[in-house]
């Protein structure tokens, strides 16, 4: 099995838990007129598809890098990466989680607004640099860009929700 398939199979085990965690952030209580006239109690936040990227890190990274998230920026095959897809405008949110020690559940997570991420990157290059970021290279030729969530502008908020805090919106 190739590296992608192995990693995908490993991370897919967390999808049911990720769906549960994100679901509450995609729905809101509908205004009274909708409830009274249209039998509608809950509404989607956005009237369009919400595209959510999901990334789960293996155990140990949450404690070592509690305020960072990483996005794949290069692969040995030269294929398009997560970073290029996101920068090109794809994706609305990114679920970024960390596995617990026995790899059975998520230890911690953040829900990142990719529109705020892109806005932060644009403003960072136009204004003086403020976003703390760097590059990481793995032995297999894969490269990642890491970002410190604390260094992004407060508006628009980068983190929609996280396991370490109440909802941010």
N, C-alpha and C. Protein backbone atom coordinates (compact mmCIF):
# COMPACT_ATOMS: atom_id res chain seq x y z
N UNK A 1 0.86 -1.18 0.00
CA UNK A 1 0.00 0.00 0.00
C UNK A 1 0.90 1.24 0.00
N UNK A 2 0.56 2.22 -0.82
CA UNK A 2 1.40 3.42 -0.88
C UNK A 2 1.19 4.29 0.36
N UNK A 3 2.06 5.27 0.51
CA UNK A 3 2.06 6.14 1.70
C UNK A 3 0.73 6.89 1.84
N UNK A 4 0.19 7.40 0.72
CA UNK A 4 -1.08 8.12 0.77
C UNK A 4 -2.18 7.21 1.31
N UNK A 5 -2.28 6.00 0.75
CA UNK A 5 -3.34 5.07 1.15
C UNK A 5 -3.21 4.69 2.62
N UNK A 6 -1.99 4.45 3.07
CA UNK A 6 -1.75 4.11 4.47
C UNK A 6 -2.20 5.25 5.38
N UNK A 7 -1.78 6.47 5.06
CA UNK A 7 -2.15 7.64 5.88
C UNK A 7 -3.65 7.90 5.82
N UNK A 8 -4.25 7.74 4.65
CA UNK A 8 -5.68 7.98 4.49
C UNK A 8 -6.47 6.96 5.31
N UNK A 9 -6.07 5.69 5.21
CA UNK A 9 -6.76 4.65 6.00
C UNK A 9 -6.65 4.93 7.49
N UNK A 10 -5.48 5.39 7.93
CA UNK A 10 -5.30 5.70 9.34
C UNK A 10 -6.20 6.85 9.77
N UNK A 11 -6.19 7.94 9.02
CA UNK A 11 -6.95 9.13 9.42
C UNK A 11 -8.46 8.95 9.25
N UNK A 12 -8.89 8.12 8.30
CA UNK A 12 -10.32 7.92 8.08
C UNK A 12 -11.03 7.32 9.30
N UNK A 13 -10.31 6.66 10.18
CA UNK A 13 -10.94 6.07 11.37
C UNK A 13 -11.55 7.16 12.26
N UNK A 14 -11.08 8.40 12.10
CA UNK A 14 -11.56 9.50 12.94
C UNK A 14 -12.75 10.24 12.33
N UNK A 15 -13.13 9.91 11.09
CA UNK A 15 -14.19 10.66 10.41
C UNK A 15 -15.52 10.67 11.17
N UNK A 16 -15.99 9.56 11.73
CA UNK A 16 -17.25 9.64 12.49
C UNK A 16 -17.18 10.65 13.64
N UNK A 17 -16.08 10.67 14.37
CA UNK A 17 -15.92 11.62 15.47
C UNK A 17 -15.84 13.05 14.94
N UNK A 18 -15.14 13.25 13.84
CA UNK A 18 -15.03 14.58 13.23
C UNK A 18 -16.40 15.08 12.81
N UNK A 19 -17.20 14.22 12.18
CA UNK A 19 -18.56 14.60 11.76
C UNK A 19 -19.39 15.05 12.96
N UNK A 20 -19.29 14.31 14.06
CA UNK A 20 -20.02 14.68 15.28
C UNK A 20 -19.60 16.05 15.79
N UNK A 21 -18.30 16.29 15.81
CA UNK A 21 -17.78 17.55 16.35
C UNK A 21 -18.13 18.74 15.47
N UNK A 22 -18.08 18.59 14.17
CA UNK A 22 -18.34 19.69 13.25
C UNK A 22 -19.83 20.00 13.13
N UNK A 23 -20.65 18.96 13.21
CA UNK A 23 -22.09 19.12 12.98
C UNK A 23 -22.72 20.27 13.74
N UNK A 24 -22.37 20.42 15.00
CA UNK A 24 -22.94 21.48 15.81
C UNK A 24 -22.54 22.87 15.38
N UNK A 25 -21.49 22.97 14.59
CA UNK A 25 -21.03 24.28 14.12
C UNK A 25 -21.57 24.63 12.74
N UNK A 26 -22.23 23.66 12.10
CA UNK A 26 -22.81 23.91 10.78
C UNK A 26 -24.29 24.28 10.87
N UNK A 27 -24.90 24.03 12.02
CA UNK A 27 -26.32 24.30 12.20
C UNK A 27 -26.52 25.40 13.22
N UNK A 28 -27.58 26.18 13.02
CA UNK A 28 -27.97 27.17 14.02
C UNK A 28 -29.48 27.11 14.18
N UNK A 29 -29.97 27.61 15.29
CA UNK A 29 -31.40 27.65 15.53
C UNK A 29 -32.04 28.63 14.55
N UNK A 30 -33.13 28.20 13.93
CA UNK A 30 -33.76 29.08 12.94
C UNK A 30 -34.55 30.19 13.63
N UNK A 31 -34.67 31.34 12.97
CA UNK A 31 -35.48 32.43 13.52
C UNK A 31 -36.95 31.99 13.65
N UNK A 32 -37.67 32.60 14.58
CA UNK A 32 -39.06 32.22 14.84
C UNK A 32 -39.94 32.16 13.60
N UNK A 33 -39.88 33.13 12.68
CA UNK A 33 -40.77 33.04 11.52
C UNK A 33 -40.61 31.73 10.73
N UNK A 34 -39.40 31.23 10.63
CA UNK A 34 -39.19 29.97 9.91
C UNK A 34 -39.80 28.81 10.69
N UNK A 35 -39.68 28.85 12.00
CA UNK A 35 -40.25 27.80 12.83
C UNK A 35 -41.77 27.83 12.73
N UNK A 36 -42.36 29.02 12.82
CA UNK A 36 -43.82 29.17 12.81
C UNK A 36 -44.43 28.85 11.46
N UNK A 37 -43.80 29.28 10.39
CA UNK A 37 -44.40 29.18 9.05
C UNK A 37 -43.90 28.00 8.22
N UNK A 38 -42.70 27.51 8.50
CA UNK A 38 -42.11 26.53 7.59
C UNK A 38 -41.62 25.26 8.29
N UNK A 39 -42.02 25.05 9.54
CA UNK A 39 -41.61 23.85 10.29
C UNK A 39 -40.10 23.66 10.24
N UNK A 40 -39.37 24.75 10.49
CA UNK A 40 -37.91 24.71 10.42
C UNK A 40 -37.33 25.12 11.76
N UNK A 41 -36.66 24.19 12.42
CA UNK A 41 -36.05 24.46 13.72
C UNK A 41 -34.56 24.74 13.64
N UNK A 42 -33.90 24.15 12.65
CA UNK A 42 -32.46 24.33 12.46
C UNK A 42 -32.18 24.72 11.02
N UNK A 43 -31.15 25.54 10.84
CA UNK A 43 -30.75 25.96 9.49
C UNK A 43 -29.24 25.82 9.36
N UNK A 44 -28.80 25.57 8.14
CA UNK A 44 -27.37 25.55 7.87
C UNK A 44 -26.84 26.97 7.96
N UNK A 45 -25.61 27.13 8.43
CA UNK A 45 -25.01 28.45 8.54
C UNK A 45 -24.89 29.14 7.20
N UNK A 46 -24.56 28.37 6.18
CA UNK A 46 -24.37 28.90 4.84
C UNK A 46 -25.37 28.22 3.93
N UNK A 47 -25.89 28.93 2.95
CA UNK A 47 -26.89 28.34 2.06
C UNK A 47 -26.25 27.55 0.92
N UNK A 48 -24.99 27.23 1.05
CA UNK A 48 -24.30 26.48 0.00
C UNK A 48 -23.54 25.33 0.64
N UNK A 49 -22.93 24.51 -0.20
CA UNK A 49 -22.11 23.42 0.32
C UNK A 49 -20.97 23.98 1.17
N UNK A 50 -20.70 23.34 2.26
CA UNK A 50 -19.52 23.68 3.07
C UNK A 50 -18.49 22.59 2.82
N UNK A 51 -17.35 22.97 2.34
CA UNK A 51 -16.27 22.02 2.05
C UNK A 51 -15.29 22.04 3.22
N UNK A 52 -15.10 20.88 3.85
CA UNK A 52 -14.27 20.80 5.05
C UNK A 52 -13.11 19.84 4.81
N UNK A 53 -11.91 20.37 4.89
CA UNK A 53 -10.71 19.53 4.85
C UNK A 53 -10.53 18.96 6.25
N UNK A 54 -10.00 17.76 6.35
CA UNK A 54 -9.77 17.15 7.66
C UNK A 54 -8.34 16.62 7.72
N UNK A 55 -7.65 17.00 8.77
CA UNK A 55 -6.28 16.53 8.97
C UNK A 55 -6.15 16.09 10.42
N UNK A 56 -5.65 14.88 10.63
CA UNK A 56 -5.44 14.36 11.98
C UNK A 56 -3.97 14.00 12.13
N UNK A 57 -3.37 14.56 13.16
CA UNK A 57 -1.95 14.29 13.45
C UNK A 57 -1.83 13.08 14.36
N UNK A 58 -0.72 12.40 14.24
CA UNK A 58 -0.44 11.24 15.10
C UNK A 58 -0.13 11.73 16.52
N UNK A 59 -0.16 10.81 17.50
CA UNK A 59 0.06 11.20 18.90
C UNK A 59 1.40 11.92 19.11
N UNK A 60 1.38 12.85 20.07
CA UNK A 60 2.60 13.53 20.49
C UNK A 60 2.76 14.95 19.99
N UNK A 61 2.17 15.27 18.84
CA UNK A 61 2.36 16.60 18.26
C UNK A 61 1.59 17.69 19.01
N UNK A 62 0.45 17.35 19.59
CA UNK A 62 -0.37 18.35 20.28
C UNK A 62 0.39 18.99 21.44
N UNK A 63 1.12 18.19 22.18
CA UNK A 63 1.87 18.73 23.33
C UNK A 63 3.10 19.50 22.87
N UNK A 64 3.74 19.03 21.82
CA UNK A 64 4.96 19.68 21.34
C UNK A 64 4.67 20.99 20.60
N UNK A 65 3.56 21.03 19.88
CA UNK A 65 3.22 22.21 19.07
C UNK A 65 1.75 22.59 19.30
N UNK A 66 1.40 23.04 20.50
CA UNK A 66 -0.01 23.25 20.83
C UNK A 66 -0.70 24.37 20.04
N UNK A 67 0.06 25.30 19.48
CA UNK A 67 -0.56 26.43 18.78
C UNK A 67 -0.30 26.41 17.28
N UNK A 68 0.20 25.29 16.79
CA UNK A 68 0.52 25.21 15.37
C UNK A 68 -0.43 24.29 14.63
N UNK A 69 -0.60 24.58 13.34
CA UNK A 69 -1.21 23.62 12.43
C UNK A 69 -0.32 23.57 11.20
N UNK A 70 -0.31 22.42 10.56
CA UNK A 70 0.54 22.24 9.38
C UNK A 70 -0.31 21.91 8.17
N UNK A 71 0.20 22.30 7.02
CA UNK A 71 -0.46 22.01 5.75
C UNK A 71 0.62 21.53 4.79
N UNK A 72 0.35 20.40 4.13
CA UNK A 72 1.32 19.84 3.19
C UNK A 72 1.57 20.83 2.06
N UNK A 73 2.86 21.13 1.81
CA UNK A 73 3.21 22.12 0.79
C UNK A 73 3.97 21.54 -0.39
N UNK A 74 4.46 20.31 -0.30
CA UNK A 74 5.14 19.65 -1.42
C UNK A 74 5.17 18.15 -1.18
N UNK A 75 5.05 17.40 -2.27
CA UNK A 75 5.17 15.94 -2.22
C UNK A 75 6.17 15.52 -3.28
N UNK A 76 6.82 14.38 -3.06
CA UNK A 76 7.85 13.90 -3.97
C UNK A 76 7.33 13.72 -5.39
N UNK A 77 6.06 13.37 -5.54
CA UNK A 77 5.48 13.14 -6.87
C UNK A 77 5.28 14.44 -7.65
N UNK A 78 5.30 15.58 -6.94
CA UNK A 78 5.05 16.86 -7.60
C UNK A 78 3.58 17.19 -7.75
N UNK A 79 2.70 16.34 -7.24
CA UNK A 79 1.26 16.58 -7.34
C UNK A 79 0.85 17.83 -6.55
N UNK A 80 -0.34 18.32 -6.89
CA UNK A 80 -0.88 19.48 -6.18
C UNK A 80 -1.07 19.13 -4.70
N UNK A 81 -0.76 20.06 -3.84
CA UNK A 81 -0.81 19.81 -2.39
C UNK A 81 -2.00 20.51 -1.75
N UNK A 82 -2.21 20.19 -0.47
CA UNK A 82 -3.27 20.84 0.30
C UNK A 82 -3.09 22.35 0.29
N UNK A 83 -1.86 22.81 0.50
CA UNK A 83 -1.63 24.25 0.56
C UNK A 83 -2.00 24.93 -0.75
N UNK A 84 -1.59 24.36 -1.87
CA UNK A 84 -1.92 25.01 -3.14
C UNK A 84 -3.43 24.98 -3.40
N UNK A 85 -4.09 23.91 -3.02
CA UNK A 85 -5.55 23.84 -3.20
C UNK A 85 -6.24 24.90 -2.35
N UNK A 86 -5.80 25.04 -1.10
CA UNK A 86 -6.40 26.03 -0.19
C UNK A 86 -6.13 27.45 -0.68
N UNK A 87 -4.88 27.73 -1.05
CA UNK A 87 -4.52 29.07 -1.53
C UNK A 87 -5.29 29.41 -2.80
N UNK A 88 -5.58 28.40 -3.63
CA UNK A 88 -6.34 28.61 -4.86
C UNK A 88 -7.83 28.82 -4.61
N UNK A 89 -8.25 28.80 -3.35
CA UNK A 89 -9.64 29.11 -3.03
C UNK A 89 -10.51 27.92 -2.68
N UNK A 90 -9.95 26.73 -2.65
CA UNK A 90 -10.74 25.54 -2.32
C UNK A 90 -10.87 25.37 -0.81
N UNK A 91 -11.99 24.85 -0.40
CA UNK A 91 -12.23 24.57 1.01
C UNK A 91 -12.76 25.78 1.77
N UNK A 92 -13.67 25.50 2.69
CA UNK A 92 -14.24 26.54 3.55
C UNK A 92 -13.65 26.48 4.95
N UNK A 93 -13.58 25.28 5.48
CA UNK A 93 -13.04 25.06 6.81
C UNK A 93 -12.02 23.92 6.76
N UNK A 94 -11.15 23.88 7.76
CA UNK A 94 -10.26 22.74 7.93
C UNK A 94 -10.37 22.26 9.37
N UNK A 95 -10.72 20.99 9.52
CA UNK A 95 -10.72 20.37 10.84
C UNK A 95 -9.31 19.87 11.06
N UNK A 96 -8.69 20.32 12.15
CA UNK A 96 -7.31 19.95 12.44
C UNK A 96 -7.28 19.30 13.81
N UNK A 97 -7.07 17.99 13.84
CA UNK A 97 -7.13 17.26 15.10
C UNK A 97 -5.85 16.52 15.42
N UNK A 98 -5.75 16.12 16.68
CA UNK A 98 -4.60 15.35 17.17
C UNK A 98 -5.13 14.07 17.81
N UNK A 99 -4.58 12.94 17.40
CA UNK A 99 -4.97 11.65 17.95
C UNK A 99 -4.47 11.51 19.39
N UNK A 100 -5.23 10.75 20.19
CA UNK A 100 -4.76 10.43 21.54
C UNK A 100 -3.68 9.35 21.46
N UNK A 101 -3.09 9.00 22.59
CA UNK A 101 -1.94 8.08 22.62
C UNK A 101 -2.25 6.71 22.02
N UNK A 102 -3.44 6.17 22.29
CA UNK A 102 -3.74 4.84 21.73
C UNK A 102 -4.41 4.91 20.35
N UNK A 103 -4.49 6.11 19.80
CA UNK A 103 -4.99 6.34 18.45
C UNK A 103 -6.44 5.89 18.25
N UNK A 104 -7.22 5.99 19.32
CA UNK A 104 -8.62 5.57 19.25
C UNK A 104 -9.60 6.74 19.19
N UNK A 105 -9.15 7.92 19.63
CA UNK A 105 -10.01 9.12 19.66
C UNK A 105 -9.16 10.35 19.40
N UNK A 106 -9.83 11.47 19.29
CA UNK A 106 -9.12 12.73 19.14
C UNK A 106 -8.83 13.32 20.52
N UNK A 107 -7.60 13.74 20.70
CA UNK A 107 -7.17 14.35 21.97
C UNK A 107 -7.52 15.83 22.01
N UNK A 108 -7.32 16.50 20.89
CA UNK A 108 -7.64 17.93 20.78
C UNK A 108 -7.90 18.25 19.32
N UNK A 109 -8.57 19.37 19.08
CA UNK A 109 -8.90 19.74 17.70
C UNK A 109 -9.20 21.23 17.60
N UNK A 110 -9.12 21.73 16.37
CA UNK A 110 -9.52 23.10 16.03
C UNK A 110 -10.24 23.06 14.69
N UNK A 111 -11.19 23.95 14.54
CA UNK A 111 -11.89 24.13 13.28
C UNK A 111 -11.45 25.48 12.73
N UNK A 112 -10.74 25.44 11.61
CA UNK A 112 -10.10 26.63 11.05
C UNK A 112 -10.90 27.14 9.85
N UNK A 113 -11.18 28.43 9.85
CA UNK A 113 -11.88 29.07 8.74
C UNK A 113 -10.85 29.36 7.65
N UNK A 114 -10.95 28.66 6.52
CA UNK A 114 -9.95 28.82 5.46
C UNK A 114 -10.06 30.16 4.75
N UNK A 115 -11.23 30.79 4.80
CA UNK A 115 -11.33 32.14 4.22
C UNK A 115 -10.52 33.12 5.07
N UNK A 116 -10.58 32.98 6.39
CA UNK A 116 -9.78 33.82 7.28
C UNK A 116 -8.29 33.51 7.10
N UNK A 117 -7.96 32.24 6.88
CA UNK A 117 -6.58 31.84 6.63
C UNK A 117 -6.04 32.52 5.38
N UNK A 118 -6.82 32.45 4.29
CA UNK A 118 -6.39 33.09 3.03
C UNK A 118 -6.28 34.60 3.21
N UNK A 119 -7.24 35.21 3.90
CA UNK A 119 -7.20 36.66 4.14
C UNK A 119 -5.95 37.02 4.93
N UNK A 120 -5.62 36.22 5.93
CA UNK A 120 -4.42 36.47 6.73
C UNK A 120 -3.16 36.40 5.89
N UNK A 121 -3.09 35.40 5.00
CA UNK A 121 -1.91 35.27 4.14
C UNK A 121 -1.78 36.46 3.19
N UNK A 122 -2.90 36.90 2.63
CA UNK A 122 -2.87 38.05 1.70
C UNK A 122 -2.41 39.30 2.44
N UNK A 123 -3.01 39.56 3.59
CA UNK A 123 -2.64 40.75 4.36
C UNK A 123 -1.20 40.68 4.85
N UNK A 124 -0.74 39.47 5.16
CA UNK A 124 0.63 39.28 5.63
C UNK A 124 1.63 39.67 4.56
N UNK A 125 1.32 39.36 3.30
CA UNK A 125 2.27 39.68 2.23
C UNK A 125 2.15 41.14 1.79
N UNK A 126 0.98 41.75 1.98
CA UNK A 126 0.78 43.14 1.59
C UNK A 126 1.32 44.09 2.66
N UNK A 127 1.03 43.78 3.92
CA UNK A 127 1.50 44.60 5.04
C UNK A 127 2.80 44.02 5.57
N UNK A 128 3.23 44.50 6.71
CA UNK A 128 4.43 43.91 7.31
C UNK A 128 4.11 42.49 7.79
N UNK A 129 5.08 41.63 7.68
CA UNK A 129 4.88 40.23 8.06
C UNK A 129 4.53 40.12 9.54
N UNK A 130 3.46 39.40 9.84
CA UNK A 130 3.05 39.20 11.22
C UNK A 130 2.78 37.73 11.52
N UNK A 131 2.45 36.96 10.50
CA UNK A 131 2.14 35.55 10.71
C UNK A 131 3.43 34.77 10.93
N UNK A 132 3.45 34.05 12.05
CA UNK A 132 4.61 33.21 12.38
C UNK A 132 4.39 31.87 11.68
N UNK A 133 5.34 31.54 10.79
CA UNK A 133 5.22 30.30 10.02
C UNK A 133 6.61 29.79 9.67
N UNK A 134 6.66 28.56 9.23
CA UNK A 134 7.94 27.97 8.85
C UNK A 134 7.74 26.74 7.99
N UNK A 135 8.85 26.12 7.63
CA UNK A 135 8.82 24.94 6.77
C UNK A 135 9.38 23.74 7.50
N UNK A 136 8.81 22.59 7.21
CA UNK A 136 9.27 21.32 7.78
C UNK A 136 9.41 20.32 6.64
N UNK A 137 10.52 19.61 6.60
CA UNK A 137 10.74 18.60 5.57
C UNK A 137 10.81 17.23 6.22
N UNK A 138 10.07 16.27 5.67
CA UNK A 138 10.12 14.89 6.14
C UNK A 138 11.12 14.10 5.31
N UNK A 139 11.65 13.00 5.85
CA UNK A 139 12.63 12.19 5.11
C UNK A 139 12.10 11.65 3.76
N UNK A 140 10.79 11.50 3.62
CA UNK A 140 10.23 10.96 2.37
C UNK A 140 10.08 12.02 1.28
N UNK A 141 10.53 13.24 1.54
CA UNK A 141 10.44 14.30 0.54
C UNK A 141 9.21 15.17 0.68
N UNK A 142 8.30 14.80 1.56
CA UNK A 142 7.11 15.61 1.81
C UNK A 142 7.52 16.84 2.60
N UNK A 143 6.95 17.98 2.22
CA UNK A 143 7.22 19.21 2.97
C UNK A 143 5.90 19.78 3.47
N UNK A 144 6.00 20.43 4.62
CA UNK A 144 4.84 21.06 5.25
C UNK A 144 5.18 22.49 5.58
N UNK A 145 4.15 23.33 5.56
CA UNK A 145 4.25 24.69 6.06
C UNK A 145 3.53 24.68 7.40
N UNK A 146 4.17 25.19 8.44
CA UNK A 146 3.48 25.28 9.73
C UNK A 146 3.14 26.74 10.02
N UNK A 147 2.03 26.92 10.73
CA UNK A 147 1.52 28.25 11.05
C UNK A 147 1.15 28.29 12.53
N UNK A 148 1.44 29.41 13.17
CA UNK A 148 1.06 29.61 14.57
C UNK A 148 -0.27 30.37 14.58
N UNK A 149 -1.31 29.74 15.11
CA UNK A 149 -2.65 30.34 15.09
C UNK A 149 -2.69 31.67 15.85
N UNK A 150 -1.83 31.82 16.85
CA UNK A 150 -1.85 33.05 17.66
C UNK A 150 -1.38 34.27 16.89
N UNK A 151 -0.69 34.06 15.78
CA UNK A 151 -0.12 35.18 15.04
C UNK A 151 -1.04 35.72 13.95
N UNK A 152 -2.19 35.08 13.73
CA UNK A 152 -3.13 35.56 12.70
C UNK A 152 -3.94 36.73 13.24
N UNK A 153 -4.39 37.61 12.35
CA UNK A 153 -5.22 38.74 12.79
C UNK A 153 -6.47 38.24 13.53
N UNK A 154 -6.96 39.05 14.45
CA UNK A 154 -8.16 38.69 15.22
C UNK A 154 -9.42 38.73 14.36
N UNK A 155 -9.39 39.53 13.30
CA UNK A 155 -10.57 39.69 12.45
C UNK A 155 -10.18 39.54 10.99
N UNK A 156 -10.77 38.63 10.26
CA UNK A 156 -11.76 37.66 10.70
C UNK A 156 -11.11 36.56 11.54
N UNK A 157 -11.86 35.99 12.49
CA UNK A 157 -11.26 34.97 13.35
C UNK A 157 -10.85 33.72 12.58
N UNK A 158 -9.65 33.24 12.84
CA UNK A 158 -9.13 32.05 12.17
C UNK A 158 -9.78 30.79 12.72
N UNK A 159 -9.89 30.69 14.04
CA UNK A 159 -10.41 29.48 14.67
C UNK A 159 -11.91 29.66 14.94
N UNK A 160 -12.71 28.82 14.29
CA UNK A 160 -14.17 28.85 14.45
C UNK A 160 -14.55 28.22 15.79
N UNK A 161 -13.88 27.13 16.14
CA UNK A 161 -14.15 26.41 17.38
C UNK A 161 -12.95 25.52 17.68
N UNK A 162 -12.83 25.10 18.94
CA UNK A 162 -11.75 24.19 19.30
C UNK A 162 -12.13 23.40 20.53
N UNK A 163 -11.41 22.32 20.77
CA UNK A 163 -11.67 21.49 21.95
C UNK A 163 -11.22 22.20 23.22
N UNK A 164 -10.30 23.15 23.09
CA UNK A 164 -9.74 23.82 24.25
C UNK A 164 -10.51 25.04 24.69
N UNK A 165 -11.57 25.38 24.00
CA UNK A 165 -12.33 26.59 24.34
C UNK A 165 -13.77 26.42 23.88
N UNK A 166 -14.61 27.26 24.42
CA UNK A 166 -15.99 27.31 23.94
C UNK A 166 -15.97 27.84 22.52
N UNK A 167 -17.07 27.72 21.85
CA UNK A 167 -17.16 28.18 20.46
C UNK A 167 -16.68 29.61 20.33
N UNK A 168 -15.95 29.88 19.26
CA UNK A 168 -15.38 31.21 19.04
C UNK A 168 -16.28 32.12 18.22
N UNK A 169 -17.41 31.64 17.75
CA UNK A 169 -18.24 32.52 16.91
C UNK A 169 -19.49 32.96 17.59
